[in-house]
Amino acid sequence: MSLWTKMIEGLETRDINNFKEWHHEEFLHIREDKLVTRDEQCQVYAERFKDPDSTSPLKDAVLITENPYAMEIRWPEEEDGTISTMLVLKKDSKVWRTILSTVPKKQTM
């Protein structure tokens, strides 16, 4: 099973233990000037999973490419007219690093 499939299924089941399982112990999420550890990311998602009205942040995402080393994922943020691109680096077949970039949609055309 691809890591992309594990991510989508894990977010749909809303199981924080499953979520933590496919994140490497050394996981770091980088967004602009923020750095988030695996434990911090799990806290955010544990709260999100408790909210029955929350949706997966990847619900509209498209997998651009995946190989044994990395993934590129992209999705629109309709409410603010932006496009987000996330690069995922893998280690031991788990999410090791994520780098997120969000730009205005008009800059992508």
PDB file of N, CA and C in Angstrom:
ATOM      1  N   MET A   1       0.851  -1.175   0.000  1.00  0.00           N
ATOM      2  CA  MET A   1       0.000   0.000   0.000  1.00  0.00           C
ATOM      3  C   MET A   1       0.901   1.243   0.000  1.00  0.00           C
ATOM      4  N   SER A   2       0.545   2.205  -0.827  1.00  0.00           N
ATOM      5  CA  SER A   2       1.345   3.434  -0.905  1.00  0.00           C
ATOM      6  C   SER A   2       1.145   4.278   0.354  1.00  0.00           C
ATOM      7  N   LEU A   3       2.109   5.118   0.639  1.00  0.00           N
ATOM      8  CA  LEU A   3       1.994   6.016   1.787  1.00  0.00           C
ATOM      9  C   LEU A   3       0.819   6.975   1.601  1.00  0.00           C
ATOM     10  N   TRP A   4       0.590   7.428   0.358  1.00  0.00           N
ATOM     11  CA  TRP A   4      -0.553   8.295   0.059  1.00  0.00           C
ATOM     12  C   TRP A   4      -1.852   7.615   0.490  1.00  0.00           C
ATOM     13  N   THR A   5      -2.024   6.357   0.139  1.00  0.00           N
ATOM     14  CA  THR A   5      -3.233   5.614   0.503  1.00  0.00           C
ATOM     15  C   THR A   5      -3.350   5.498   2.014  1.00  0.00           C
ATOM     16  N   LYS A   6      -2.233   5.223   2.704  1.00  0.00           N
ATOM     17  CA  LYS A   6      -2.257   5.155   4.173  1.00  0.00           C
ATOM     18  C   LYS A   6      -2.675   6.487   4.773  1.00  0.00           C
ATOM     19  N   MET A   7      -2.172   7.582   4.200  1.00  0.00           N
ATOM     20  CA  MET A   7      -2.521   8.909   4.713  1.00  0.00           C
ATOM     21  C   MET A   7      -4.014   9.178   4.562  1.00  0.00           C
ATOM     22  N   ILE A   8      -4.546   8.936   3.375  1.00  0.00           N
ATOM     23  CA  ILE A   8      -5.966   9.202   3.122  1.00  0.00           C
ATOM     24  C   ILE A   8      -6.839   8.324   4.024  1.00  0.00           C
ATOM     25  N   GLU A   9      -6.540   7.035   4.083  1.00  0.00           N
ATOM     26  CA  GLU A   9      -7.321   6.131   4.927  1.00  0.00           C
ATOM     27  C   GLU A   9      -7.194   6.510   6.404  1.00  0.00           C
ATOM     28  N   GLY A  10      -5.986   6.887   6.831  1.00  0.00           N
ATOM     29  CA  GLY A  10      -5.770   7.273   8.221  1.00  0.00           C
ATOM     30  C   GLY A  10      -6.548   8.512   8.611  1.00  0.00           C
ATOM     31  N   LEU A  11      -6.610   9.480   7.713  1.00  0.00           N
ATOM     32  CA  LEU A  11      -7.373  10.698   7.996  1.00  0.00           C
ATOM     33  C   LEU A  11      -8.870  10.417   8.006  1.00  0.00           C
ATOM     34  N   GLU A  12      -9.311   9.487   7.166  1.00  0.00           N
ATOM     35  CA  GLU A  12     -10.740   9.151   7.136  1.00  0.00           C
ATOM     36  C   GLU A  12     -11.186   8.398   8.387  1.00  0.00           C
ATOM     37  N   THR A  13     -10.315   7.551   8.954  1.00  0.00           N
ATOM     38  CA  THR A  13     -10.695   6.782  10.144  1.00  0.00           C
ATOM     39  C   THR A  13     -10.649   7.626  11.414  1.00  0.00           C
ATOM     40  N   ARG A  14      -9.931   8.771  11.353  1.00  0.00           N
ATOM     41  CA  ARG A  14      -9.846   9.698  12.483  1.00  0.00           C
ATOM     42  C   ARG A  14      -9.258   9.030  13.730  1.00  0.00           C
ATOM     43  N   ASP A  15      -8.334   8.121  13.519  1.00  0.00           N
ATOM     44  CA  ASP A  15      -7.694   7.371  14.591  1.00  0.00           C
ATOM     45  C   ASP A  15      -6.299   7.951  14.823  1.00  0.00           C
ATOM     46  N   ILE A  16      -6.094   8.593  15.977  1.00  0.00           N
ATOM     47  CA  ILE A  16      -4.833   9.275  16.227  1.00  0.00           C
ATOM     48  C   ILE A  16      -3.668   8.296  16.314  1.00  0.00           C
ATOM     49  N   ASN A  17      -3.895   7.081  16.774  1.00  0.00           N
ATOM     50  CA  ASN A  17      -2.814   6.090  16.823  1.00  0.00           C
ATOM     51  C   ASN A  17      -2.388   5.696  15.410  1.00  0.00           C
ATOM     52  N   ASN A  18      -3.354   5.551  14.526  1.00  0.00           N
ATOM     53  CA  ASN A  18      -3.040   5.277  13.124  1.00  0.00           C
ATOM     54  C   ASN A  18      -2.282   6.450  12.511  1.00  0.00           C
ATOM     55  N   PHE A  19      -2.722   7.652  12.801  1.00  0.00           N
ATOM     56  CA  PHE A  19      -2.083   8.869  12.298  1.00  0.00           C
ATOM     57  C   PHE A  19      -0.618   8.908  12.734  1.00  0.00           C
ATOM     58  N   LYS A  20      -0.381   8.639  13.996  1.00  0.00           N
ATOM     59  CA  LYS A  20       0.985   8.669  14.537  1.00  0.00           C
ATOM     60  C   LYS A  20       1.848   7.565  13.909  1.00  0.00           C
ATOM     61  N   GLU A  21       1.238   6.432  13.623  1.00  0.00           N
ATOM     62  CA  GLU A  21       1.958   5.273  13.088  1.00  0.00           C
ATOM     63  C   GLU A  21       2.636   5.558  11.750  1.00  0.00           C
ATOM     64  N   TRP A  22       2.019   6.340  10.871  1.00  0.00           N
ATOM     65  CA  TRP A  22       2.640   6.605   9.573  1.00  0.00           C
ATOM     66  C   TRP A  22       3.463   7.884   9.537  1.00  0.00           C
ATOM     67  N   HIS A  23       3.715   8.460  10.720  1.00  0.00           N
ATOM     68  CA  HIS A  23       4.651   9.588  10.856  1.00  0.00           C
ATOM     69  C   HIS A  23       5.931   9.088  11.526  1.00  0.00           C
ATOM     70  N   HIS A  24       7.046   9.349  10.914  1.00  0.00           N
ATOM     71  CA  HIS A  24       8.342   8.951  11.463  1.00  0.00           C
ATOM     72  C   HIS A  24       8.583   9.652  12.794  1.00  0.00           C
ATOM     73  N   GLU A  25       9.336   8.991  13.691  1.00  0.00           N
ATOM     74  CA  GLU A  25       9.629   9.575  15.005  1.00  0.00           C
ATOM     75  C   GLU A  25      10.320  10.929  14.879  1.00  0.00           C
ATOM     76  N   GLU A  26      11.077  11.134  13.801  1.00  0.00           N
ATOM     77  CA  GLU A  26      11.805  12.386  13.581  1.00  0.00           C
ATOM     78  C   GLU A  26      11.011  13.391  12.736  1.00  0.00           C
ATOM     79  N   PHE A  27       9.727  13.171  12.588  1.00  0.00           N
ATOM     80  CA  PHE A  27       8.877  14.018  11.739  1.00  0.00           C
ATOM     81  C   PHE A  27       8.986  15.494  12.104  1.00  0.00           C
ATOM     82  N   LEU A  28       9.047  16.325  11.059  1.00  0.00           N
ATOM     83  CA  LEU A  28       8.946  17.776  11.202  1.00  0.00           C
ATOM     84  C   LEU A  28       8.090  18.312  10.060  1.00  0.00           C
ATOM     85  N   HIS A  29       7.192  19.222  10.392  1.00  0.00           N
ATOM     86  CA  HIS A  29       6.362  19.899   9.393  1.00  0.00           C
ATOM     87  C   HIS A  29       6.851  21.342   9.306  1.00  0.00           C
ATOM     88  N   ILE A  30       7.135  21.783   8.091  1.00  0.00           N
ATOM     89  CA  ILE A  30       7.650  23.133   7.868  1.00  0.00           C
ATOM     90  C   ILE A  30       6.630  23.896   7.031  1.00  0.00           C
ATOM     91  N   ARG A  31       6.189  25.028   7.572  1.00  0.00           N
ATOM     92  CA  ARG A  31       5.271  25.901   6.839  1.00  0.00           C
ATOM     93  C   ARG A  31       5.697  27.336   7.073  1.00  0.00           C
ATOM     94  N   GLU A  32       6.123  27.974   5.993  1.00  0.00           N
ATOM     95  CA  GLU A  32       6.606  29.346   6.072  1.00  0.00           C
ATOM     96  C   GLU A  32       7.664  29.452   7.168  1.00  0.00           C
ATOM     97  N   ASP A  33       7.319  30.073   8.305  1.00  0.00           N
ATOM     98  CA  ASP A  33       8.293  30.243   9.381  1.00  0.00           C
ATOM     99  C   ASP A  33       7.964  29.399  10.613  1.00  0.00           C
ATOM    100  N   LYS A  34       7.143  28.362  10.426  1.00  0.00           N
ATOM    101  CA  LYS A  34       6.746  27.510  11.546  1.00  0.00           C
ATOM    102  C   LYS A  34       7.341  26.113  11.391  1.00  0.00           C
ATOM    103  N   LEU A  35       7.724  25.535  12.507  1.00  0.00           N
ATOM    104  CA  LEU A  35       8.259  24.188  12.550  1.00  0.00           C
ATOM    105  C   LEU A  35       7.457  23.406  13.582  1.00  0.00           C
ATOM    106  N   VAL A  36       6.900  22.256  13.189  1.00  0.00           N
ATOM    107  CA  VAL A  36       6.035  21.476  14.066  1.00  0.00           C
ATOM    108  C   VAL A  36       6.590  20.055  14.186  1.00  0.00           C
ATOM    109  N   THR A  37       6.687  19.537  15.409  1.00  0.00           N
ATOM    110  CA  THR A  37       7.166  18.180  15.643  1.00  0.00           C
ATOM    111  C   THR A  37       6.021  17.173  15.497  1.00  0.00           C
ATOM    112  N   ARG A  38       6.367  15.895  15.510  1.00  0.00           N
ATOM    113  CA  ARG A  38       5.337  14.852  15.407  1.00  0.00           C
ATOM    114  C   ARG A  38       4.352  14.948  16.572  1.00  0.00           C
ATOM    115  N   ASP A  39       4.851  15.108  17.785  1.00  0.00           N
ATOM    116  CA  ASP A  39       3.951  15.188  18.935  1.00  0.00           C
ATOM    117  C   ASP A  39       3.006  16.389  18.828  1.00  0.00           C
ATOM    118  N   GLU A  40       3.531  17.525  18.391  1.00  0.00           N
ATOM    119  CA  GLU A  40       2.693  18.715  18.215  1.00  0.00           C
ATOM    120  C   GLU A  40       1.659  18.489  17.116  1.00  0.00           C
ATOM    121  N   GLN A  41       2.073  17.858  16.024  1.00  0.00           N
ATOM    122  CA  GLN A  41       1.146  17.570  14.917  1.00  0.00           C
ATOM    123  C   GLN A  41       0.054  16.612  15.387  1.00  0.00           C
ATOM    124  N   CYS A  42       0.440  15.618  16.174  1.00  0.00           N
ATOM    125  CA  CYS A  42      -0.554  14.667  16.696  1.00  0.00           C
ATOM    126  C   CYS A  42      -1.550  15.352  17.626  1.00  0.00           C
ATOM    127  N   GLN A  43      -1.104  16.310  18.426  1.00  0.00           N
ATOM    128  CA  GLN A  43      -2.021  17.055  19.295  1.00  0.00           C
ATOM    129  C   GLN A  43      -3.044  17.828  18.466  1.00  0.00           C
ATOM    130  N   VAL A  44      -2.576  18.472  17.404  1.00  0.00           N
ATOM    131  CA  VAL A  44      -3.472  19.234  16.522  1.00  0.00           C
ATOM    132  C   VAL A  44      -4.522  18.301  15.924  1.00  0.00           C
ATOM    133  N   TYR A  45      -4.075  17.148  15.420  1.00  0.00           N
ATOM    134  CA  TYR A  45      -5.011  16.225  14.777  1.00  0.00           C
ATOM    135  C   TYR A  45      -5.901  15.506  15.771  1.00  0.00           C
ATOM    136  N   ALA A  46      -5.426  15.252  16.967  1.00  0.00           N
ATOM    137  CA  ALA A  46      -6.287  14.640  17.991  1.00  0.00           C
ATOM    138  C   ALA A  46      -7.479  15.543  18.270  1.00  0.00           C
ATOM    139  N   GLU A  47      -7.238  16.836  18.355  1.00  0.00           N
ATOM    140  CA  GLU A  47      -8.330  17.796  18.551  1.00  0.00           C
ATOM    141  C   GLU A  47      -9.240  17.840  17.321  1.00  0.00           C
ATOM    142  N   ARG A  48      -8.647  17.859  16.141  1.00  0.00           N
ATOM    143  CA  ARG A  48      -9.427  17.892  14.901  1.00  0.00           C
ATOM    144  C   ARG A  48     -10.306  16.649  14.788  1.00  0.00           C
ATOM    145  N   PHE A  49      -9.768  15.488  15.147  1.00  0.00           N
ATOM    146  CA  PHE A  49     -10.528  14.239  15.049  1.00  0.00           C
ATOM    147  C   PHE A  49     -11.711  14.211  16.012  1.00  0.00           C
ATOM    148  N   LYS A  50     -11.630  14.940  17.123  1.00  0.00           N
ATOM    149  CA  LYS A  50     -12.740  14.992  18.087  1.00  0.00           C
ATOM    150  C   LYS A  50     -13.920  15.801  17.559  1.00  0.00           C
ATOM    151  N   ASP A  51     -13.663  16.708  16.639  1.00  0.00           N
ATOM    152  CA  ASP A  51     -14.705  17.579  16.098  1.00  0.00           C
ATOM    153  C   ASP A  51     -15.411  16.859  14.945  1.00  0.00           C
ATOM    154  N   PRO A  52     -16.666  16.461  15.126  1.00  0.00           N
ATOM    155  CA  PRO A  52     -17.364  15.713  14.071  1.00  0.00           C
ATOM    156  C   PRO A  52     -17.579  16.531  12.791  1.00  0.00           C
ATOM    157  N   ASP A  53     -17.477  17.843  12.879  1.00  0.00           N
ATOM    158  CA  ASP A  53     -17.688  18.692  11.709  1.00  0.00           C
ATOM    159  C   ASP A  53     -16.396  18.982  10.938  1.00  0.00           C
ATOM    160  N   SER A  54     -15.263  18.567  11.483  1.00  0.00           N
ATOM    161  CA  SER A  54     -14.004  18.846  10.780  1.00  0.00           C
ATOM    162  C   SER A  54     -13.855  17.890   9.594  1.00  0.00           C
ATOM    163  N   THR A  55     -13.190  18.381   8.574  1.00  0.00           N
ATOM    164  CA  THR A  55     -12.947  17.552   7.393  1.00  0.00           C
ATOM    165  C   THR A  55     -11.447  17.371   7.221  1.00  0.00           C
ATOM    166  N   SER A  56     -11.086  16.385   6.465  1.00  0.00           N
ATOM    167  CA  SER A  56      -9.677  16.120   6.208  1.00  0.00           C
ATOM    168  C   SER A  56      -9.065  17.296   5.457  1.00  0.00           C
ATOM    169  N   PRO A  57      -7.884  17.736   5.860  1.00  0.00           N
ATOM    170  CA  PRO A  57      -7.233  18.812   5.108  1.00  0.00           C
ATOM    171  C   PRO A  57      -6.849  18.365   3.704  1.00  0.00           C
ATOM    172  N   LEU A  58      -6.854  17.062   3.473  1.00  0.00           N
ATOM    173  CA  LEU A  58      -6.512  16.546   2.143  1.00  0.00           C
ATOM    174  C   LEU A  58      -7.744  16.128   1.333  1.00  0.00           C
ATOM    175  N   LYS A  59      -8.931  16.564   1.776  1.00  0.00           N
ATOM    176  CA  LYS A  59     -10.164  16.123   1.103  1.00  0.00           C
ATOM    177  C   LYS A  59     -10.214  16.503  -0.373  1.00  0.00           C
ATOM    178  N   ASP A  60      -9.617  17.620  -0.742  1.00  0.00           N
ATOM    179  CA  ASP A  60      -9.602  18.044  -2.138  1.00  0.00           C
ATOM    180  C   ASP A  60      -8.220  17.897  -2.772  1.00  0.00           C
ATOM    181  N   ALA A  61      -7.340  17.174  -2.085  1.00  0.00           N
ATOM    182  CA  ALA A  61      -5.952  17.067  -2.549  1.00  0.00           C
ATOM    183  C   ALA A  61      -5.814  16.116  -3.728  1.00  0.00           C
ATOM    184  N   VAL A  62      -4.817  16.424  -4.536  1.00  0.00           N
ATOM    185  CA  VAL A  62      -4.465  15.583  -5.678  1.00  0.00           C
ATOM    186  C   VAL A  62      -3.018  15.160  -5.497  1.00  0.00           C
ATOM    187  N   LEU A  63      -2.784  13.880  -5.634  1.00  0.00           N
ATOM    188  CA  LEU A  63      -1.419  13.375  -5.597  1.00  0.00           C
ATOM    189  C   LEU A  63      -0.788  13.640  -6.956  1.00  0.00           C
ATOM    190  N   ILE A  64       0.248  14.472  -6.978  1.00  0.00           N
ATOM    191  CA  ILE A  64       0.933  14.801  -8.225  1.00  0.00           C
ATOM    192  C   ILE A  64       1.915  13.698  -8.585  1.00  0.00           C
ATOM    193  N   THR A  65       2.705  13.283  -7.605  1.00  0.00           N
ATOM    194  CA  THR A  65       3.662  12.203  -7.839  1.00  0.00           C
ATOM    195  C   THR A  65       4.037  11.560  -6.512  1.00  0.00           C
ATOM    196  N   GLU A  66       4.361  10.269  -6.571  1.00  0.00           N
ATOM    197  CA  GLU A  66       4.875   9.559  -5.406  1.00  0.00           C
ATOM    198  C   GLU A  66       5.907   8.560  -5.881  1.00  0.00           C
ATOM    199  N   ASN A  67       7.011   8.491  -5.162  1.00  0.00           N
ATOM    200  CA  ASN A  67       8.028   7.483  -5.415  1.00  0.00           C
ATOM    201  C   ASN A  67       8.537   7.008  -4.049  1.00  0.00           C
ATOM    202  N   PRO A  68       9.480   6.097  -3.991  1.00  0.00           N
ATOM    203  CA  PRO A  68       9.925   5.589  -2.683  1.00  0.00           C
ATOM    204  C   PRO A  68      10.546   6.640  -1.760  1.00  0.00           C
ATOM    205  N   TYR A  69      10.865   7.822  -2.299  1.00  0.00           N
ATOM    206  CA  TYR A  69      11.578   8.826  -1.523  1.00  0.00           C
ATOM    207  C   TYR A  69      10.747  10.052  -1.158  1.00  0.00           C
ATOM    208  N   ALA A  70       9.729  10.352  -1.968  1.00  0.00           N
ATOM    209  CA  ALA A  70       8.997  11.608  -1.773  1.00  0.00           C
ATOM    210  C   ALA A  70       7.621  11.561  -2.424  1.00  0.00           C
ATOM    211  N   MET A  71       6.797  12.567  -2.071  1.00  0.00           N
ATOM    212  CA  MET A  71       5.482  12.780  -2.679  1.00  0.00           C
ATOM    213  C   MET A  71       5.291  14.272  -2.882  1.00  0.00           C
ATOM    214  N   GLU A  72       4.501  14.615  -3.898  1.00  0.00           N
ATOM    215  CA  GLU A  72       4.040  15.991  -4.082  1.00  0.00           C
ATOM    216  C   GLU A  72       2.518  15.945  -4.113  1.00  0.00           C
ATOM    217  N   ILE A  73       1.907  16.781  -3.279  1.00  0.00           N
ATOM    218  CA  ILE A  73       0.448  16.820  -3.136  1.00  0.00           C
ATOM    219  C   ILE A  73       0.005  18.268  -3.306  1.00  0.00           C
ATOM    220  N   ARG A  74      -1.131  18.493  -3.983  1.00  0.00           N
ATOM    221  CA  ARG A  74      -1.609  19.860  -4.199  1.00  0.00           C
ATOM    222  C   ARG A  74      -3.121  19.914  -4.007  1.00  0.00           C
ATOM    223  N   TRP A  75      -3.598  21.056  -3.460  1.00  0.00           N
ATOM    224  CA  TRP A  75      -5.037  21.245  -3.285  1.00  0.00           C
ATOM    225  C   TRP A  75      -5.380  22.732  -3.269  1.00  0.00           C
ATOM    226  N   PRO A  76      -6.624  23.037  -3.676  1.00  0.00           N
ATOM    227  CA  PRO A  76      -7.092  24.435  -3.629  1.00  0.00           C
ATOM    228  C   PRO A  76      -7.658  24.758  -2.254  1.00  0.00           C
ATOM    229  N   GLU A  77      -7.457  25.982  -1.843  1.00  0.00           N
ATOM    230  CA  GLU A  77      -8.096  26.508  -0.625  1.00  0.00           C
ATOM    231  C   GLU A  77      -9.145  27.499  -1.124  1.00  0.00           C
ATOM    232  N   GLU A  78     -10.351  27.008  -1.356  1.00  0.00           N
ATOM    233  CA  GLU A  78     -11.394  27.818  -1.980  1.00  0.00           C
ATOM    234  C   GLU A  78     -11.754  29.067  -1.180  1.00  0.00           C
ATOM    235  N   GLU A  79     -11.758  28.954   0.164  1.00  0.00           N
ATOM    236  CA  GLU A  79     -12.194  30.086   0.976  1.00  0.00           C
ATOM    237  C   GLU A  79     -11.296  31.312   0.860  1.00  0.00           C
ATOM    238  N   ASP A  80     -10.017  31.103   0.546  1.00  0.00           N
ATOM    239  CA  ASP A  80      -9.131  32.269   0.411  1.00  0.00           C
ATOM    240  C   ASP A  80      -8.458  32.355  -0.965  1.00  0.00           C
ATOM    241  N   GLY A  81      -8.883  31.514  -1.905  1.00  0.00           N
ATOM    242  CA  GLY A  81      -8.384  31.601  -3.270  1.00  0.00           C
ATOM    243  C   GLY A  81      -6.904  31.276  -3.433  1.00  0.00           C
ATOM    244  N   THR A  82      -6.407  30.321  -2.639  1.00  0.00           N
ATOM    245  CA  THR A  82      -5.000  29.950  -2.736  1.00  0.00           C
ATOM    246  C   THR A  82      -4.844  28.503  -3.192  1.00  0.00           C
ATOM    247  N   ILE A  83      -3.631  28.173  -3.551  1.00  0.00           N
ATOM    248  CA  ILE A  83      -3.261  26.800  -3.892  1.00  0.00           C
ATOM    249  C   ILE A  83      -2.161  26.377  -2.924  1.00  0.00           C
ATOM    250  N   SER A  84      -2.339  25.222  -2.302  1.00  0.00           N
ATOM    251  CA  SER A  84      -1.320  24.693  -1.391  1.00  0.00           C
ATOM    252  C   SER A  84      -0.610  23.519  -2.052  1.00  0.00           C
ATOM    253  N   THR A  85       0.697  23.492  -1.881  1.00  0.00           N
ATOM    254  CA  THR A  85       1.518  22.385  -2.352  1.00  0.00           C
ATOM    255  C   THR A  85       2.303  21.865  -1.163  1.00  0.00           C
ATOM    256  N   MET A  86       2.241  20.550  -0.960  1.00  0.00           N
ATOM    257  CA  MET A  86       2.991  19.939   0.125  1.00  0.00           C
ATOM    258  C   MET A  86       3.958  18.918  -0.457  1.00  0.00           C
ATOM    259  N   LEU A  87       5.215  19.071  -0.109  1.00  0.00           N
ATOM    260  CA  LEU A  87       6.223  18.085  -0.446  1.00  0.00           C
ATOM    261  C   LEU A  87       6.432  17.213   0.784  1.00  0.00           C
ATOM    262  N   VAL A  88       6.423  15.917   0.577  1.00  0.00           N
ATOM    263  CA  VAL A  88       6.586  14.963   1.665  1.00  0.00           C
ATOM    264  C   VAL A  88       7.849  14.155   1.394  1.00  0.00           C
ATOM    265  N   LEU A  89       8.781  14.219   2.316  1.00  0.00           N
ATOM    266  CA  LEU A  89       9.970  13.384   2.231  1.00  0.00           C
ATOM    267  C   LEU A  89       9.749  12.169   3.119  1.00  0.00           C
ATOM    268  N   LYS A  90      10.159  11.007   2.624  1.00  0.00           N
ATOM    269  CA  LYS A  90       9.926   9.760   3.347  1.00  0.00           C
ATOM    270  C   LYS A  90      11.217   9.235   3.973  1.00  0.00           C
ATOM    271  N   LYS A  91      11.043   8.551   5.088  1.00  0.00           N
ATOM    272  CA  LYS A  91      12.140   7.835   5.723  1.00  0.00           C
ATOM    273  C   LYS A  91      11.534   6.588   6.346  1.00  0.00           C
ATOM    274  N   ASP A  92      12.113   5.446   6.069  1.00  0.00           N
ATOM    275  CA  ASP A  92      11.575   4.166   6.562  1.00  0.00           C
ATOM    276  C   ASP A  92      10.114   3.980   6.152  1.00  0.00           C
ATOM    277  N   SER A  93       9.776   4.462   4.960  1.00  0.00           N
ATOM    278  CA  SER A  93       8.419   4.356   4.387  1.00  0.00           C
ATOM    279  C   SER A  93       7.360   5.115   5.188  1.00  0.00           C
ATOM    280  N   LYS A  94       7.793   6.119   5.947  1.00  0.00           N
ATOM    281  CA  LYS A  94       6.877   6.953   6.715  1.00  0.00           C
ATOM    282  C   LYS A  94       7.089   8.413   6.341  1.00  0.00           C
ATOM    283  N   VAL A  95       6.133   9.254   6.750  1.00  0.00           N
ATOM    284  CA  VAL A  95       6.268  10.694   6.533  1.00  0.00           C
ATOM    285  C   VAL A  95       7.360  11.194   7.479  1.00  0.00           C
ATOM    286  N   TRP A  96       8.430  11.711   6.897  1.00  0.00           N
ATOM    287  CA  TRP A  96       9.562  12.185   7.686  1.00  0.00           C
ATOM    288  C   TRP A  96       9.591  13.709   7.773  1.00  0.00           C
ATOM    289  N   ARG A  97       9.427  14.384   6.621  1.00  0.00           N
ATOM    290  CA  ARG A  97       9.385  15.849   6.563  1.00  0.00           C
ATOM    291  C   ARG A  97       8.241  16.254   5.640  1.00  0.00           C
ATOM    292  N   THR A  98       7.534  17.293   6.024  1.00  0.00           N
ATOM    293  CA  THR A  98       6.557  17.903   5.125  1.00  0.00           C
ATOM    294  C   THR A  98       6.891  19.382   5.026  1.00  0.00           C
ATOM    295  N   ILE A  99       6.833  19.879   3.812  1.00  0.00           N
ATOM    296  CA  ILE A  99       7.073  21.296   3.546  1.00  0.00           C
ATOM    297  C   ILE A  99       5.847  21.808   2.813  1.00  0.00           C
ATOM    298  N   LEU A 100       5.205  22.816   3.374  1.00  0.00           N
ATOM    299  CA  LEU A 100       3.954  23.329   2.814  1.00  0.00           C
ATOM    300  C   LEU A 100       4.142  24.754   2.315  1.00  0.00           C
ATOM    301  N   SER A 101       3.683  24.974   1.093  1.00  0.00           N
ATOM    302  CA  SER A 101       3.716  26.300   0.502  1.00  0.00           C
ATOM    303  C   SER A 101       2.317  26.644   0.023  1.00  0.00           C
ATOM    304  N   THR A 102       1.851  27.848   0.337  1.00  0.00           N
ATOM    305  CA  THR A 102       0.535  28.304  -0.109  1.00  0.00           C
ATOM    306  C   THR A 102       0.717  29.634  -0.822  1.00  0.00           C
ATOM    307  N   VAL A 103       0.189  29.699  -2.052  1.00  0.00           N
ATOM    308  CA  VAL A 103       0.313  30.914  -2.856  1.00  0.00           C
ATOM    309  C   VAL A 103      -1.056  31.298  -3.425  1.00  0.00           C
ATOM    310  N   PRO A 104      -1.263  32.592  -3.701  1.00  0.00           N
ATOM    311  CA  PRO A 104      -2.516  33.001  -4.338  1.00  0.00           C
ATOM    312  C   PRO A 104      -2.682  32.286  -5.688  1.00  0.00           C
ATOM    313  N   LYS A 105      -3.919  31.853  -5.940  1.00  0.00           N
ATOM    314  CA  LYS A 105      -4.196  31.111  -7.172  1.00  0.00           C
ATOM    315  C   LYS A 105      -3.788  31.886  -8.412  1.00  0.00           C
ATOM    316  N   LYS A 106      -3.956  33.209  -8.411  1.00  0.00           N
ATOM    317  CA  LYS A 106      -3.627  34.010  -9.586  1.00  0.00           C
ATOM    318  C   LYS A 106      -2.131  33.972  -9.904  1.00  0.00           C
ATOM    319  N   GLN A 107      -1.292  33.645  -8.906  1.00  0.00           N
ATOM    320  CA  GLN A 107       0.146  33.543  -9.145  1.00  0.00           C
ATOM    321  C   GLN A 107       0.538  32.223  -9.798  1.00  0.00           C
ATOM    322  N   THR A 108      -0.390  31.290  -9.891  1.00  0.00           N
ATOM    323  CA  THR A 108      -0.085  29.975 -10.453  1.00  0.00           C
ATOM    324  C   THR A 108      -0.486  29.861 -11.912  1.00  0.00           C
ATOM    325  N   MET A 109      -1.112  30.882 -12.438  1.00  0.00           N
ATOM    326  CA  MET A 109      -1.604  30.825 -13.823  1.00  0.00           C
ATOM    327  C   MET A 109      -0.654  31.528 -14.773  1.00  0.00           C
TER     328      MET A 109
END
